[in-house]
Protein backbone atom coordinates (compact mmCIF):
# COMPACT_ATOMS: atom_id res chain seq x y z
CA MET A 1 87.68 85.14 231.63
CA ALA A 2 88.73 82.62 229.00
CA SER A 3 90.68 79.56 230.10
CA LEU A 4 94.32 78.98 229.21
CA LYS A 5 93.36 76.20 226.82
CA ALA A 6 90.81 78.37 225.02
CA LEU A 7 93.33 81.21 224.67
CA LYS A 8 95.99 78.85 223.36
CA ILE A 9 93.58 77.43 220.76
CA ARG A 10 92.55 80.92 219.69
CA ILE A 11 96.16 82.08 219.32
CA GLY A 12 96.89 79.04 217.15
CA SER A 13 93.83 79.75 215.02
CA VAL A 14 94.83 83.39 214.45
CA LYS A 15 98.38 82.34 213.57
CA SER A 16 97.00 79.95 210.96
CA THR A 17 94.85 82.72 209.52
CA GLN A 18 97.85 85.04 209.45
CA LYS A 19 99.82 82.51 207.41
CA ILE A 20 96.99 82.31 204.89
CA THR A 21 96.60 86.09 204.54
CA LYS A 22 100.37 86.51 204.19
CA ALA A 23 100.48 83.87 201.46
CA MET A 24 97.54 85.50 199.65
CA LYS A 25 99.31 88.84 199.80
CA MET A 26 102.43 87.38 198.20
CA VAL A 27 100.40 85.66 195.47
CA ALA A 28 98.48 88.89 194.74
CA ALA A 29 101.74 90.84 194.57
CA ALA A 30 103.16 88.35 192.07
CA LYS A 31 100.02 88.51 189.91
CA LEU A 32 99.76 92.29 190.18
CA ARG A 33 102.83 93.01 188.08
CA ARG A 34 101.62 90.92 185.14
CA ALA A 35 98.07 92.28 185.37
CA GLN A 36 99.34 95.86 185.62
CA GLU A 37 101.54 95.44 182.55
CA ALA A 38 98.58 94.04 180.58
CA ALA A 39 96.30 96.90 181.66
CA VAL A 40 98.85 99.60 180.85
CA ALA A 41 99.67 97.99 177.49
CA GLY A 42 95.99 97.88 176.53
CA ARG A 43 95.26 101.55 177.26
CA PRO A 44 96.92 103.15 174.20
CA TYR A 45 95.05 100.86 171.78
CA ALA A 46 91.68 101.47 173.42
CA GLU A 47 92.25 105.22 173.71
CA ARG A 48 93.45 105.48 170.10
CA LEU A 49 90.42 103.54 168.90
CA GLU A 50 88.19 105.95 170.81
CA ALA A 51 89.92 108.86 169.06
CA VAL A 52 89.46 107.21 165.66
CA MET A 53 85.78 106.60 166.38
CA ALA A 54 85.32 110.23 167.43
CA SER A 55 87.09 111.43 164.29
CA LEU A 56 84.96 109.23 162.05
CA ALA A 57 81.74 110.13 163.84
CA SER A 58 82.47 113.84 163.36
CA LYS A 59 82.73 113.30 159.58
CA VAL A 60 79.62 111.20 159.17
CA ALA A 61 76.17 112.73 159.05
CA VAL A 62 74.00 110.90 161.55
CA GLY A 63 70.73 109.87 159.97
CA PRO A 64 68.38 106.95 159.39
CA SER A 65 71.01 105.22 157.24
CA SER A 66 73.77 105.55 159.87
CA PRO A 67 74.90 102.48 161.82
CA LYS A 68 72.62 101.86 164.77
CA LEU A 69 75.54 101.67 167.20
CA LEU A 70 76.31 105.28 166.29
CA ALA A 71 72.88 106.79 165.74
CA GLY A 72 71.16 104.90 168.53
CA THR A 73 67.48 104.09 168.63
CA GLY A 74 66.39 107.71 168.70
CA LYS A 75 65.32 107.33 172.34
CA ASP A 76 67.04 107.21 175.72
CA GLN A 77 64.30 105.73 177.88
CA VAL A 78 65.78 102.30 178.67
CA HIS A 79 69.34 102.20 180.00
CA LEU A 80 71.45 99.07 180.41
CA ILE A 81 74.24 99.27 182.99
CA VAL A 82 77.00 96.72 182.41
CA VAL A 83 78.70 96.09 185.75
CA ALA A 84 82.11 94.42 185.39
CA THR A 85 83.39 92.86 188.61
CA SER A 86 85.74 90.05 189.60
CA GLU A 87 85.04 86.36 189.96
CA ARG A 88 86.55 86.13 193.44
CA GLY A 89 86.24 88.08 196.66
CA LEU A 90 88.71 88.89 199.46
CA ALA A 91 89.76 92.01 197.54
CA GLY A 92 88.81 94.73 199.98
CA ALA A 93 86.28 97.27 198.73
CA PHE A 94 87.14 96.71 195.05
CA ASN A 95 83.85 95.08 193.99
CA THR A 96 81.78 97.10 196.44
CA ASN A 97 82.98 100.41 194.98
CA ILE A 98 82.07 99.36 191.43
CA VAL A 99 78.61 98.21 192.47
CA ARG A 100 78.09 101.40 194.49
CA ALA A 101 79.01 103.58 191.50
CA ALA A 102 76.65 101.61 189.25
CA ARG A 103 73.80 101.90 191.75
CA LYS A 104 74.39 105.64 192.07
CA LYS A 105 74.10 106.03 188.29
CA ALA A 106 70.94 103.92 188.32
CA GLU A 107 69.39 106.14 190.99
CA GLU A 108 70.18 109.24 188.93
CA LEU A 109 68.58 107.74 185.83
CA GLU A 110 65.52 106.54 187.72
CA GLY A 111 65.20 109.97 189.27
CA ALA A 112 65.01 111.35 185.73
CA GLY A 113 62.20 108.92 184.89
CA LYS A 114 64.32 106.40 182.97
CA THR A 115 64.07 102.61 183.05
CA VAL A 116 67.25 100.89 184.27
CA ARG A 117 68.43 97.31 183.79
CA PHE A 118 71.65 95.68 184.90
CA TYR A 119 73.96 93.36 182.97
CA ILE A 120 76.26 91.58 185.44
CA ALA A 121 79.70 90.54 184.17
CA GLY A 122 81.43 88.76 187.04
CA LYS A 123 80.21 86.72 190.01
CA LYS A 124 80.71 89.45 192.59
CA GLY A 125 78.28 91.69 190.79
CA ARG A 126 75.46 89.35 191.76
CA VAL A 127 75.03 91.36 194.94
CA LEU A 128 72.88 93.64 192.77
CA LYS A 129 70.20 90.95 192.84
CA ARG A 130 69.55 91.84 196.48
CA PHE A 131 68.75 95.46 195.66
CA HIS A 132 67.35 95.17 192.12
CA PRO A 133 66.00 91.62 191.74
CA LYS A 134 63.58 92.55 188.93
CA GLN A 135 66.03 94.69 186.96
CA ILE A 136 68.70 92.08 186.14
CA ALA A 137 68.80 91.61 182.39
CA HIS A 138 71.57 89.00 182.38
CA ASP A 139 74.17 87.39 184.62
CA GLN A 140 77.41 86.53 182.78
CA GLU A 141 80.56 85.05 184.27
CA THR A 142 83.73 86.46 182.75
CA GLY A 143 85.21 82.97 182.36
CA HIS A 144 88.88 82.69 183.21
CA ILE A 145 90.00 83.36 186.78
CA LYS A 146 93.78 83.23 186.36
CA TYR A 147 93.96 85.58 183.37
CA VAL A 148 91.84 87.81 181.16
CA ALA A 149 91.10 86.49 177.68
CA PHE A 150 89.85 88.52 174.75
CA THR A 151 87.20 85.86 174.14
CA ASP A 152 85.59 86.77 177.48
CA ALA A 153 85.11 90.35 176.32
CA GLN A 154 83.92 89.13 172.93
CA VAL A 155 81.18 87.01 174.49
CA VAL A 156 79.88 89.92 176.59
CA ALA A 157 80.12 92.41 173.71
CA ASP A 158 78.30 90.14 171.26
CA ASP A 159 75.50 89.57 173.74
CA VAL A 160 75.13 93.28 174.55
CA ILE A 161 75.12 94.24 170.85
CA ARG A 162 72.55 91.54 170.10
CA ARG A 163 70.29 92.84 172.85
CA PHE A 164 70.70 96.40 171.55
CA GLU A 165 69.79 95.41 168.01
CA ALA A 166 66.78 93.52 169.38
CA GLY A 167 65.57 96.76 170.97
CA GLU A 168 65.93 95.69 174.61
CA PHE A 169 67.56 99.00 175.59
CA ASP A 170 68.45 102.41 174.15
CA VAL A 171 71.69 103.34 175.95
CA ALA A 172 74.37 101.15 177.53
CA HIS A 173 76.84 102.20 180.23
CA LEU A 174 79.93 100.30 181.37
CA PHE A 175 81.22 100.41 184.95
CA TYR A 176 84.61 99.10 186.08
CA ALA A 177 87.63 100.12 188.19
CA ARG A 178 90.50 101.98 186.56
CA PHE A 179 93.84 100.89 188.02
CA GLN A 180 96.03 103.70 189.31
CA SER A 181 98.17 101.98 191.93
CA ALA A 182 98.05 99.13 194.41
CA LEU A 183 96.37 101.52 196.84
CA VAL A 184 94.04 103.38 194.46
CA GLN A 185 91.47 101.87 192.10
CA GLU A 186 88.98 104.39 190.76
CA PRO A 187 85.48 103.14 189.81
CA ILE A 188 84.40 104.85 186.60
CA GLY A 189 81.51 104.65 184.16
CA ILE A 190 81.50 105.30 180.41
CA GLN A 191 78.79 105.31 177.77
CA LEU A 192 79.24 102.20 175.70
CA ILE A 193 76.32 102.32 173.25
CA PRO A 194 75.69 104.41 171.23
CA VAL A 195 79.21 105.73 170.69
CA PRO A 196 79.40 109.22 172.28
CA MET A 197 79.58 111.95 169.69
CA PRO A 198 82.41 114.52 170.03
CA LYS A 199 81.38 117.77 171.66
CA ALA A 200 80.61 120.68 169.40
CA GLY A 201 83.74 122.62 168.61
CA ALA A 202 86.07 119.89 169.89
CA ALA A 203 88.70 119.20 167.26
CA PRO A 204 89.92 115.61 166.93
CA LYS A 205 93.48 114.95 168.00
CA GLY A 206 96.05 115.08 165.23
CA GLY A 207 95.88 117.44 162.30
CA ALA A 208 96.82 114.94 159.59
CA ALA A 209 94.48 114.53 156.63
CA ILE A 210 93.12 110.98 156.46
CA GLU A 211 91.47 109.33 153.49
CA TYR A 212 89.25 106.33 154.10
CA GLU A 213 88.74 103.50 151.66
CA PRO A 214 86.06 102.74 150.66
CA ASP A 215 84.40 105.54 152.71
CA GLU A 216 83.90 106.76 156.28
CA GLU A 217 80.49 105.11 156.69
CA THR A 218 81.73 101.65 155.71
CA VAL A 219 84.82 101.85 157.92
CA LEU A 220 82.76 103.16 160.81
CA ALA A 221 80.20 100.36 160.50
CA ALA A 222 83.01 97.79 160.67
CA LEU A 223 84.76 99.44 163.63
CA LEU A 224 81.75 100.11 165.85
CA PRO A 225 81.29 96.49 167.09
CA LYS A 226 85.05 96.16 167.55
CA ASN A 227 85.07 99.34 169.61
CA VAL A 228 82.45 97.90 171.98
CA THR A 229 84.53 94.73 172.39
CA ILE A 230 87.77 96.64 172.97
CA GLN A 231 86.21 98.90 175.60
CA ILE A 232 84.88 95.87 177.48
CA PHE A 233 88.25 94.14 177.14
CA ARG A 234 89.96 97.21 178.56
CA ALA A 235 87.52 97.16 181.48
CA LEU A 236 88.37 93.51 182.20
CA LEU A 237 92.11 94.25 182.05
CA GLU A 238 91.77 97.24 184.36
CA ASN A 239 89.64 95.18 186.72
CA ALA A 240 92.22 92.37 186.81
CA ALA A 241 94.98 94.77 187.87
CA SER A 242 92.70 96.61 190.31
CA GLU A 243 91.56 93.34 191.87
CA GLN A 244 95.10 92.15 192.57
CA GLY A 245 96.16 95.54 193.91
CA SER A 246 93.14 95.75 196.20
CA ARG A 247 93.62 92.14 197.35
CA MET A 248 97.29 92.72 198.11
CA THR A 249 96.43 95.77 200.23
CA ALA A 250 93.55 93.99 201.97
CA MET A 251 95.64 90.92 202.81
CA ASP A 252 98.49 93.12 204.07
CA ASN A 253 96.06 94.86 206.43
CA ALA A 254 94.62 91.50 207.49
CA THR A 255 98.11 90.17 208.24
CA ARG A 256 98.92 93.23 210.35
CA ASN A 257 95.62 92.96 212.23
CA ALA A 258 96.26 89.28 212.89
CA GLY A 259 99.68 90.16 214.32
CA ASP A 260 98.14 92.75 216.63
CA MET A 261 95.52 90.25 217.78
CA ILE A 262 98.18 87.62 218.45
CA ASN A 263 100.08 90.11 220.62
CA ARG A 264 96.94 91.00 222.60
CA LEU A 265 95.98 87.36 223.08
CA THR A 266 99.53 86.46 224.13
CA ILE A 267 99.49 89.19 226.78
CA GLN A 268 96.11 87.97 228.00
CA TYR A 269 97.38 84.37 228.03
CA ASN A 270 100.45 85.32 230.07
CA ARG A 271 98.39 87.31 232.55
CA THR A 272 95.89 84.47 232.95
CA ARG A 273 98.72 81.98 233.40
CA GLN A 274 100.43 84.23 235.96
CA ALA A 275 97.17 84.61 237.86
CA ALA A 276 96.73 80.83 237.94
CA ILE A 277 100.27 80.33 239.22
CA THR A 278 99.77 83.03 241.88
CA THR A 279 96.54 81.38 243.01
CA GLU A 280 98.26 77.99 243.30
CA LEU A 281 101.11 79.48 245.35
CA ILE A 282 98.66 81.19 247.71
CA GLU A 283 96.82 77.90 248.19
CA ILE A 284 100.09 76.05 248.89
CA ILE A 285 101.24 78.67 251.37
CA ALA A 286 97.88 78.74 253.08
CA GLY A 287 97.89 74.95 253.36
CA ALA A 288 101.42 74.95 254.81
CA GLU A 289 100.50 77.56 257.42
CA ALA A 290 97.46 75.56 258.37
CA LEU A 291 99.70 72.62 259.25
């Protein structure tokens, strides 16, 4: 049985930890609102750009003269999986779920005989080096910790496009967590390069007739790199909101668990103290009777 001094020290230590987790929960809650607003505000632009790209792609005949980001390399043997995670931990299963989804996709591709490489965007994605040490194509920090900057997405997008044009891979996938609420963050994966073609028979949204100047091919060639950047920027915004929501939930659970532990240790401390007092009284009584 632990001594009274050891129990008292442990109770003090847990109380200190509880103060930290409670403070982290409050900070995450304050940051969550701003990050959520940024993520929600960025969705319409990214979704509308996707619709425009699909509309343009449906009007352009894919051929040797088509932009490479649309037509691809003509093969799908080498796949690059861009894994976007956070720069910090203590966010529950947020980063773990993204990495797990990316690894599941990699297993499916490898099962089909494809070659898989990983592009890590965020420090917490480096856990992939334990499982796939020879398949890491690049390790890129997303830069800012306090906020998401468009330049961070631009750096990643430019590097991925450069690698694609250099022939390092044929298809790129992007994995991140879509923010739904403080309790739910859904890890999802999308095809980033080449731009997915609309399904046969699927009509683009909106029935308005659109004329492009100078022509569809030129506009599409200019928008394709921007689309890659915007989709990565959306992933970083969604991740920022998901990270704060997951951290707030994790710190709330940690604070509750610390409170339960304090209660259990306090009961144990009181029982140990009562047992010590009872033992002392018995010794005093026994000594008095002996006299």
